[in-house]
PDB file of N, CA and C in Angstrom:
ATOM      1  N   UNK A   1      -0.241  17.906  15.654  1.00  0.00           N
ATOM      2  CA  UNK A   1      -0.345  18.169  14.228  1.00  0.00           C
ATOM      3  C   UNK A   1       0.921  17.732  13.489  1.00  0.00           C
ATOM      4  N   UNK A   2       2.094  18.047  14.066  1.00  0.00           N
ATOM      5  CA  UNK A   2       3.343  17.669  13.398  1.00  0.00           C
ATOM      6  C   UNK A   2       3.497  16.162  13.296  1.00  0.00           C
ATOM      7  N   UNK A   3       3.087  15.451  14.350  1.00  0.00           N
ATOM      8  CA  UNK A   3       3.186  13.986  14.325  1.00  0.00           C
ATOM      9  C   UNK A   3       2.317  13.420  13.209  1.00  0.00           C
ATOM     10  N   UNK A   4       1.144  13.995  13.003  1.00  0.00           N
ATOM     11  CA  UNK A   4       0.238  13.557  11.944  1.00  0.00           C
ATOM     12  C   UNK A   4       0.869  13.790  10.569  1.00  0.00           C
ATOM     13  N   UNK A   5       1.466  14.948  10.377  1.00  0.00           N
ATOM     14  CA  UNK A   5       2.092  15.276   9.091  1.00  0.00           C
ATOM     15  C   UNK A   5       3.295  14.365   8.823  1.00  0.00           C
ATOM     16  N   UNK A   6       4.093  14.101   9.848  1.00  0.00           N
ATOM     17  CA  UNK A   6       5.244  13.209   9.678  1.00  0.00           C
ATOM     18  C   UNK A   6       4.766  11.796   9.342  1.00  0.00           C
ATOM     19  N   UNK A   7       3.760  11.299  10.069  1.00  0.00           N
ATOM     20  CA  UNK A   7       3.211   9.973   9.793  1.00  0.00           C
ATOM     21  C   UNK A   7       2.654   9.908   8.372  1.00  0.00           C
ATOM     22  N   UNK A   8       1.944  10.940   7.968  1.00  0.00           N
ATOM     23  CA  UNK A   8       1.384  10.994   6.612  1.00  0.00           C
ATOM     24  C   UNK A   8       2.494  10.990   5.566  1.00  0.00           C
ATOM     25  N   UNK A   9       3.582  11.670   5.843  1.00  0.00           N
ATOM     26  CA  UNK A   9       4.712  11.695   4.905  1.00  0.00           C
ATOM     27  C   UNK A   9       5.302  10.301   4.728  1.00  0.00           C
ATOM     28  N   UNK A  10       5.477   9.581   5.827  1.00  0.00           N
ATOM     29  CA  UNK A  10       5.951   8.204   5.728  1.00  0.00           C
ATOM     30  C   UNK A  10       4.975   7.347   4.923  1.00  0.00           C
ATOM     31  N   UNK A  11       3.678   7.506   5.180  1.00  0.00           N
ATOM     32  CA  UNK A  11       2.669   6.723   4.456  1.00  0.00           C
ATOM     33  C   UNK A  11       2.707   7.036   2.969  1.00  0.00           C
ATOM     34  N   UNK A  12       2.806   8.296   2.621  1.00  0.00           N
ATOM     35  CA  UNK A  12       2.853   8.670   1.206  1.00  0.00           C
ATOM     36  C   UNK A  12       4.102   8.110   0.527  1.00  0.00           C
ATOM     37  N   UNK A  13       5.234   8.183   1.200  1.00  0.00           N
ATOM     38  CA  UNK A  13       6.463   7.616   0.638  1.00  0.00           C
ATOM     39  C   UNK A  13       6.353   6.098   0.511  1.00  0.00           C
ATOM     40  N   UNK A  14       5.720   5.455   1.482  1.00  0.00           N
ATOM     41  CA  UNK A  14       5.502   4.002   1.398  1.00  0.00           C
ATOM     42  C   UNK A  14       4.635   3.677   0.184  1.00  0.00           C
ATOM     43  N   UNK A  15       3.578   4.460  -0.026  1.00  0.00           N
ATOM     44  CA  UNK A  15       2.717   4.248  -1.181  1.00  0.00           C
ATOM     45  C   UNK A  15       3.477   4.402  -2.488  1.00  0.00           C
ATOM     46  N   UNK A  16       4.338   5.397  -2.557  1.00  0.00           N
ATOM     47  CA  UNK A  16       5.149   5.603  -3.763  1.00  0.00           C
ATOM     48  C   UNK A  16       6.095   4.428  -3.973  1.00  0.00           C
ATOM     49  N   UNK A  17       6.689   3.912  -2.886  1.00  0.00           N
ATOM     50  CA  UNK A  17       7.579   2.754  -2.991  1.00  0.00           C
ATOM     51  C   UNK A  17       6.828   1.529  -3.505  1.00  0.00           C
ATOM     52  N   UNK A  18       5.619   1.316  -3.015  1.00  0.00           N
ATOM     53  CA  UNK A  18       4.817   0.175  -3.476  1.00  0.00           C
ATOM     54  C   UNK A  18       4.422   0.369  -4.937  1.00  0.00           C
ATOM     55  N   UNK A  19       4.093   1.591  -5.319  1.00  0.00           N
ATOM     56  CA  UNK A  19       3.780   1.844  -6.727  1.00  0.00           C
ATOM     57  C   UNK A  19       4.978   1.563  -7.624  1.00  0.00           C
ATOM     58  N   UNK A  20       6.189   1.742  -7.104  1.00  0.00           N
ATOM     59  CA  UNK A  20       7.380   1.386  -7.865  1.00  0.00           C
ATOM     60  C   UNK A  20       7.441  -0.126  -8.088  1.00  0.00           C
ATOM     61  N   UNK A  21       7.070  -0.908  -7.066  1.00  0.00           N
ATOM     62  CA  UNK A  21       6.977  -2.363  -7.241  1.00  0.00           C
ATOM     63  C   UNK A  21       5.975  -2.688  -8.351  1.00  0.00           C
ATOM     64  N   UNK A  22       4.842  -2.010  -8.303  1.00  0.00           N
ATOM     65  CA  UNK A  22       3.796  -2.249  -9.301  1.00  0.00           C
ATOM     66  C   UNK A  22       4.305  -1.945 -10.708  1.00  0.00           C
ATOM     67  N   UNK A  23       5.022  -0.838 -10.849  1.00  0.00           N
ATOM     68  CA  UNK A  23       5.566  -0.450 -12.146  1.00  0.00           C
ATOM     69  C   UNK A  23       6.502  -1.538 -12.685  1.00  0.00           C
ATOM     70  N   UNK A  24       7.325  -2.071 -11.820  1.00  0.00           N
ATOM     71  CA  UNK A  24       8.272  -3.108 -12.228  1.00  0.00           C
ATOM     72  C   UNK A  24       7.550  -4.382 -12.659  1.00  0.00           C
ATOM     73  N   UNK A  25       6.524  -4.772 -11.914  1.00  0.00           N
ATOM     74  CA  UNK A  25       5.769  -5.981 -12.269  1.00  0.00           C
ATOM     75  C   UNK A  25       5.038  -5.792 -13.593  1.00  0.00           C
ATOM     76  N   UNK A  26       4.470  -4.620 -13.789  1.00  0.00           N
ATOM     77  CA  UNK A  26       3.780  -4.357 -15.057  1.00  0.00           C
ATOM     78  C   UNK A  26       4.783  -4.422 -16.218  1.00  0.00           C
ATOM     79  N   UNK A  27       5.976  -3.908 -16.001  1.00  0.00           N
ATOM     80  CA  UNK A  27       7.007  -3.926 -17.039  1.00  0.00           C
ATOM     81  C   UNK A  27       7.446  -5.352 -17.367  1.00  0.00           C
ATOM     82  N   UNK A  28       7.698  -6.167 -16.347  1.00  0.00           N
ATOM     83  CA  UNK A  28       8.225  -7.515 -16.553  1.00  0.00           C
ATOM     84  C   UNK A  28       7.147  -8.586 -16.684  1.00  0.00           C
ATOM     85  N   UNK A  29       5.929  -8.264 -16.252  1.00  0.00           N
ATOM     86  CA  UNK A  29       4.795  -9.191 -16.328  1.00  0.00           C
ATOM     87  C   UNK A  29       5.110 -10.537 -15.667  1.00  0.00           C
ATOM     88  N   UNK A  30       5.807 -10.451 -14.529  1.00  0.00           N
ATOM     89  CA  UNK A  30       6.191 -11.664 -13.811  1.00  0.00           C
ATOM     90  C   UNK A  30       6.465 -11.315 -12.345  1.00  0.00           C
ATOM     91  N   UNK A  31       6.089 -12.243 -11.459  1.00  0.00           N
ATOM     92  CA  UNK A  31       6.342 -12.081 -10.029  1.00  0.00           C
ATOM     93  C   UNK A  31       6.897 -13.394  -9.512  1.00  0.00           C
ATOM     94  N   UNK A  32       7.932 -13.303  -8.690  1.00  0.00           N
ATOM     95  CA  UNK A  32       8.493 -14.507  -8.057  1.00  0.00           C
ATOM     96  C   UNK A  32       9.046 -14.126  -6.693  1.00  0.00           C
ATOM     97  N   UNK A  33       8.788 -14.975  -5.695  1.00  0.00           N
ATOM     98  CA  UNK A  33       9.378 -14.795  -4.380  1.00  0.00           C
ATOM     99  C   UNK A  33       8.753 -13.735  -3.514  1.00  0.00           C
ATOM    100  N   UNK A  34       7.541 -13.329  -3.800  1.00  0.00           N
ATOM    101  CA  UNK A  34       6.857 -12.321  -3.000  1.00  0.00           C
ATOM    102  C   UNK A  34       5.593 -12.949  -2.418  1.00  0.00           C
ATOM    103  N   UNK A  35       5.389 -12.749  -1.131  1.00  0.00           N
ATOM    104  CA  UNK A  35       4.241 -13.323  -0.455  1.00  0.00           C
ATOM    105  C   UNK A  35       2.987 -12.463  -0.654  1.00  0.00           C
ATOM    106  N   UNK A  36       1.982 -13.048  -1.233  1.00  0.00           N
ATOM    107  CA  UNK A  36       0.703 -12.351  -1.390  1.00  0.00           C
ATOM    108  C   UNK A  36       0.062 -12.137  -0.021  1.00  0.00           C
ATOM    109  N   UNK A  37       0.199 -13.121   0.869  1.00  0.00           N
ATOM    110  CA  UNK A  37      -0.422 -13.018   2.195  1.00  0.00           C
ATOM    111  C   UNK A  37       0.133 -11.843   2.992  1.00  0.00           C
ATOM    112  N   UNK A  38       1.435 -11.631   2.934  1.00  0.00           N
ATOM    113  CA  UNK A  38       2.027 -10.503   3.661  1.00  0.00           C
ATOM    114  C   UNK A  38       1.493  -9.175   3.128  1.00  0.00           C
ATOM    115  N   UNK A  39       1.469  -9.059   1.829  1.00  0.00           N
ATOM    116  CA  UNK A  39       0.975  -7.826   1.222  1.00  0.00           C
ATOM    117  C   UNK A  39      -0.509  -7.632   1.504  1.00  0.00           C
ATOM    118  N   UNK A  40      -1.278  -8.714   1.460  1.00  0.00           N
ATOM    119  CA  UNK A  40      -2.705  -8.622   1.767  1.00  0.00           C
ATOM    120  C   UNK A  40      -2.914  -8.176   3.215  1.00  0.00           C
ATOM    121  N   UNK A  41      -2.094  -8.681   4.138  1.00  0.00           N
ATOM    122  CA  UNK A  41      -2.191  -8.257   5.538  1.00  0.00           C
ATOM    123  C   UNK A  41      -2.001  -6.752   5.663  1.00  0.00           C
ATOM    124  N   UNK A  42      -0.951  -6.221   5.031  1.00  0.00           N
ATOM    125  CA  UNK A  42      -0.697  -4.784   5.127  1.00  0.00           C
ATOM    126  C   UNK A  42      -1.777  -3.965   4.425  1.00  0.00           C
ATOM    127  N   UNK A  43      -2.403  -4.541   3.412  1.00  0.00           N
ATOM    128  CA  UNK A  43      -3.525  -3.870   2.759  1.00  0.00           C
ATOM    129  C   UNK A  43      -4.708  -3.766   3.708  1.00  0.00           C
ATOM    130  N   UNK A  44      -5.020  -4.863   4.386  1.00  0.00           N
ATOM    131  CA  UNK A  44      -6.139  -4.865   5.349  1.00  0.00           C
ATOM    132  C   UNK A  44      -5.844  -3.908   6.502  1.00  0.00           C
ATOM    133  N   UNK A  45      -4.604  -3.903   6.970  1.00  0.00           N
ATOM    134  CA  UNK A  45      -4.223  -2.960   8.021  1.00  0.00           C
ATOM    135  C   UNK A  45      -4.419  -1.519   7.540  1.00  0.00           C
ATOM    136  N   UNK A  46      -4.072  -1.255   6.298  1.00  0.00           N
ATOM    137  CA  UNK A  46      -4.273   0.070   5.734  1.00  0.00           C
ATOM    138  C   UNK A  46      -5.737   0.461   5.671  1.00  0.00           C
ATOM    139  N   UNK A  47      -6.589  -0.510   5.326  1.00  0.00           N
ATOM    140  CA  UNK A  47      -8.040  -0.232   5.312  1.00  0.00           C
ATOM    141  C   UNK A  47      -8.502   0.123   6.721  1.00  0.00           C
ATOM    142  N   UNK A  48      -8.033  -0.616   7.721  1.00  0.00           N
ATOM    143  CA  UNK A  48      -8.373  -0.296   9.115  1.00  0.00           C
ATOM    144  C   UNK A  48      -7.939   1.138   9.446  1.00  0.00           C
ATOM    145  N   UNK A  49      -6.744   1.519   9.006  1.00  0.00           N
ATOM    146  CA  UNK A  49      -6.252   2.867   9.289  1.00  0.00           C
ATOM    147  C   UNK A  49      -7.131   3.946   8.677  1.00  0.00           C
ATOM    148  N   UNK A  50      -7.819   3.632   7.580  1.00  0.00           N
ATOM    149  CA  UNK A  50      -8.729   4.615   6.972  1.00  0.00           C
ATOM    150  C   UNK A  50      -9.917   4.908   7.885  1.00  0.00           C
ATOM    151  N   UNK A  51     -10.231   4.008   8.784  1.00  0.00           N
ATOM    152  CA  UNK A  51     -11.230   4.269   9.825  1.00  0.00           C
ATOM    153  C   UNK A  51     -10.564   4.908  11.046  1.00  0.00           C
ATOM    154  N   UNK A  52      -9.427   4.340  11.428  1.00  0.00           N
ATOM    155  CA  UNK A  52      -8.768   4.707  12.677  1.00  0.00           C
ATOM    156  C   UNK A  52      -8.249   6.145  12.689  1.00  0.00           C
ATOM    157  N   UNK A  53      -7.556   6.561  11.645  1.00  0.00           N
ATOM    158  CA  UNK A  53      -6.975   7.900  11.644  1.00  0.00           C
ATOM    159  C   UNK A  53      -8.026   9.009  11.774  1.00  0.00           C
ATOM    160  N   UNK A  54      -9.141   8.958  11.038  1.00  0.00           N
ATOM    161  CA  UNK A  54     -10.148  10.005  11.251  1.00  0.00           C
ATOM    162  C   UNK A  54     -10.733   9.990  12.669  1.00  0.00           C
ATOM    163  N   UNK A  55     -10.823   8.795  13.271  1.00  0.00           N
ATOM    164  CA  UNK A  55     -11.360   8.735  14.636  1.00  0.00           C
ATOM    165  C   UNK A  55     -10.451   9.453  15.623  1.00  0.00           C
ATOM    166  N   UNK A  56      -9.183   9.619  15.260  1.00  0.00           N
ATOM    167  CA  UNK A  56      -8.226  10.355  16.093  1.00  0.00           C
ATOM    168  C   UNK A  56      -8.069  11.807  15.637  1.00  0.00           C
ATOM    169  N   UNK A  57      -8.759  12.155  14.555  1.00  0.00           N
ATOM    170  CA  UNK A  57      -8.624  13.497  13.998  1.00  0.00           C
ATOM    171  C   UNK A  57      -7.328  13.684  13.221  1.00  0.00           C
ATOM    172  N   UNK A  58      -6.723  12.582  12.774  1.00  0.00           N
ATOM    173  CA  UNK A  58      -5.463  12.636  12.033  1.00  0.00           C
ATOM    174  C   UNK A  58      -5.746  12.566  10.535  1.00  0.00           C
ATOM    175  N   UNK A  59      -6.145  13.690   9.994  1.00  0.00           N
ATOM    176  CA  UNK A  59      -6.577  13.730   8.600  1.00  0.00           C
ATOM    177  C   UNK A  59      -5.433  13.635   7.614  1.00  0.00           C
ATOM    178  N   UNK A  60      -4.266  14.163   7.952  1.00  0.00           N
ATOM    179  CA  UNK A  60      -3.123  14.018   7.054  1.00  0.00           C
ATOM    180  C   UNK A  60      -2.751  12.551   6.909  1.00  0.00           C
ATOM    181  N   UNK A  61      -2.748  11.832   8.031  1.00  0.00           N
ATOM    182  CA  UNK A  61      -2.450  10.395   7.987  1.00  0.00           C
ATOM    183  C   UNK A  61      -3.507   9.640   7.194  1.00  0.00           C
ATOM    184  N   UNK A  62      -4.758  10.061   7.295  1.00  0.00           N
ATOM    185  CA  UNK A  62      -5.825   9.450   6.511  1.00  0.00           C
ATOM    186  C   UNK A  62      -5.523   9.577   5.018  1.00  0.00           C
ATOM    187  N   UNK A  63      -5.143  10.777   4.580  1.00  0.00           N
ATOM    188  CA  UNK A  63      -4.860  10.977   3.155  1.00  0.00           C
ATOM    189  C   UNK A  63      -3.624  10.196   2.710  1.00  0.00           C
ATOM    190  N   UNK A  64      -2.603  10.142   3.553  1.00  0.00           N
ATOM    191  CA  UNK A  64      -1.458   9.297   3.256  1.00  0.00           C
ATOM    192  C   UNK A  64      -1.863   7.834   3.195  1.00  0.00           C
ATOM    193  N   UNK A  65      -2.769   7.434   4.085  1.00  0.00           N
ATOM    194  CA  UNK A  65      -3.271   6.058   4.094  1.00  0.00           C
ATOM    195  C   UNK A  65      -4.024   5.698   2.831  1.00  0.00           C
ATOM    196  N   UNK A  66      -4.712   6.651   2.243  1.00  0.00           N
ATOM    197  CA  UNK A  66      -5.404   6.390   0.974  1.00  0.00           C
ATOM    198  C   UNK A  66      -4.415   5.955  -0.107  1.00  0.00           C
ATOM    199  N   UNK A  67      -3.266   6.618  -0.131  1.00  0.00           N
ATOM    200  CA  UNK A  67      -2.241   6.273  -1.123  1.00  0.00           C
ATOM    201  C   UNK A  67      -1.713   4.870  -0.874  1.00  0.00           C
ATOM    202  N   UNK A  68      -1.439   4.548   0.395  1.00  0.00           N
ATOM    203  CA  UNK A  68      -0.927   3.220   0.734  1.00  0.00           C
ATOM    204  C   UNK A  68      -1.938   2.132   0.392  1.00  0.00           C
ATOM    205  N   UNK A  69      -3.200   2.343   0.727  1.00  0.00           N
ATOM    206  CA  UNK A  69      -4.226   1.331   0.443  1.00  0.00           C
ATOM    207  C   UNK A  69      -4.391   1.150  -1.061  1.00  0.00           C
ATOM    208  N   UNK A  70      -4.415   2.239  -1.811  1.00  0.00           N
ATOM    209  CA  UNK A  70      -4.513   2.120  -3.268  1.00  0.00           C
ATOM    210  C   UNK A  70      -3.337   1.325  -3.820  1.00  0.00           C
ATOM    211  N   UNK A  71      -2.116   1.699  -3.409  1.00  0.00           N
ATOM    212  CA  UNK A  71      -0.920   1.040  -3.927  1.00  0.00           C
ATOM    213  C   UNK A  71      -0.882  -0.434  -3.538  1.00  0.00           C
ATOM    214  N   UNK A  72      -1.188  -0.745  -2.280  1.00  0.00           N
ATOM    215  CA  UNK A  72      -1.172  -2.145  -1.850  1.00  0.00           C
ATOM    216  C   UNK A  72      -2.258  -2.972  -2.519  1.00  0.00           C
ATOM    217  N   UNK A  73      -3.416  -2.384  -2.741  1.00  0.00           N
ATOM    218  CA  UNK A  73      -4.485  -3.100  -3.441  1.00  0.00           C
ATOM    219  C   UNK A  73      -4.058  -3.425  -4.871  1.00  0.00           C
ATOM    220  N   UNK A  74      -3.461  -2.453  -5.542  1.00  0.00           N
ATOM    221  CA  UNK A  74      -2.952  -2.689  -6.886  1.00  0.00           C
ATOM    222  C   UNK A  74      -1.861  -3.754  -6.862  1.00  0.00           C
ATOM    223  N   UNK A  75      -0.983  -3.696  -5.879  1.00  0.00           N
ATOM    224  CA  UNK A  75       0.122  -4.651  -5.746  1.00  0.00           C
ATOM    225  C   UNK A  75      -0.413  -6.070  -5.569  1.00  0.00           C
ATOM    226  N   UNK A  76      -1.432  -6.244  -4.701  1.00  0.00           N
ATOM    227  CA  UNK A  76      -2.037  -7.571  -4.509  1.00  0.00           C
ATOM    228  C   UNK A  76      -2.648  -8.063  -5.817  1.00  0.00           C
ATOM    229  N   UNK A  77      -3.354  -7.197  -6.512  1.00  0.00           N
ATOM    230  CA  UNK A  77      -3.946  -7.568  -7.798  1.00  0.00           C
ATOM    231  C   UNK A  77      -2.871  -8.043  -8.776  1.00  0.00           C
ATOM    232  N   UNK A  78      -1.774  -7.288  -8.867  1.00  0.00           N
ATOM    233  CA  UNK A  78      -0.704  -7.647  -9.794  1.00  0.00           C
ATOM    234  C   UNK A  78       0.015  -8.934  -9.372  1.00  0.00           C
ATOM    235  N   UNK A  79       0.168  -9.138  -8.063  1.00  0.00           N
ATOM    236  CA  UNK A  79       0.783 -10.380  -7.586  1.00  0.00           C
ATOM    237  C   UNK A  79      -0.055 -11.589  -7.992  1.00  0.00           C
ATOM    238  N   UNK A  80      -1.356 -11.449  -7.914  1.00  0.00           N
ATOM    239  CA  UNK A  80      -2.253 -12.543  -8.321  1.00  0.00           C
ATOM    240  C   UNK A  80      -2.200 -12.725  -9.831  1.00  0.00           C
ATOM    241  N   UNK A  81      -2.240 -11.631 -10.565  1.00  0.00           N
ATOM    242  CA  UNK A  81      -2.284 -11.688 -12.024  1.00  0.00           C
ATOM    243  C   UNK A  81      -1.008 -12.268 -12.635  1.00  0.00           C
ATOM    244  N   UNK A  82       0.157 -11.887 -12.098  1.00  0.00           N
ATOM    245  CA  UNK A  82       1.415 -12.235 -12.727  1.00  0.00           C
ATOM    246  C   UNK A  82       2.229 -13.275 -11.950  1.00  0.00           C
ATOM    247  N   UNK A  83       1.570 -14.102 -11.145  1.00  0.00           N
ATOM    248  CA  UNK A  83       2.310 -15.150 -10.434  1.00  0.00           C
ATOM    249  C   UNK A  83       3.101 -16.001 -11.414  1.00  0.00           C
ATOM    250  N   UNK A  84       4.322 -16.278 -11.080  1.00  0.00           N
ATOM    251  CA  UNK A  84       5.198 -17.062 -11.962  1.00  0.00           C
ATOM    252  C   UNK A  84       4.665 -18.475 -12.122  1.00  0.00           C
ATOM    253  N   UNK A  85       4.673 -18.944 -13.367  1.00  0.00           N
ATOM    254  CA  UNK A  85       4.260 -20.313 -13.643  1.00  0.00           C
ATOM    255  C   UNK A  85       2.778 -20.497 -13.852  1.00  0.00           C
ATOM    256  N   UNK A  86       2.026 -19.394 -13.883  1.00  0.00           N
ATOM    257  CA  UNK A  86       0.588 -19.552 -14.098  1.00  0.00           C
ATOM    258  C   UNK A  86       0.152 -18.784 -15.324  1.00  0.00           C
TER     259      UNK A  86
END
């Protein structure tokens, strides 16, 4: 149980960190030097975790994963929307 809560805490903090990236992009309306493919990979991995964590009974990690997937999905959208030079 403790391992699940610790993992979920890291996931939630990661989601908050990604949302901070999103806030900055929305403010500046510009993105440069960030790989969309890398972020998309971590988004897909997060979607997989939304299946995987419940299969292990790790519900706290599942809820933390929801935050990460939401934040990464928004981040990918913003990276596409605000690519520099387009």
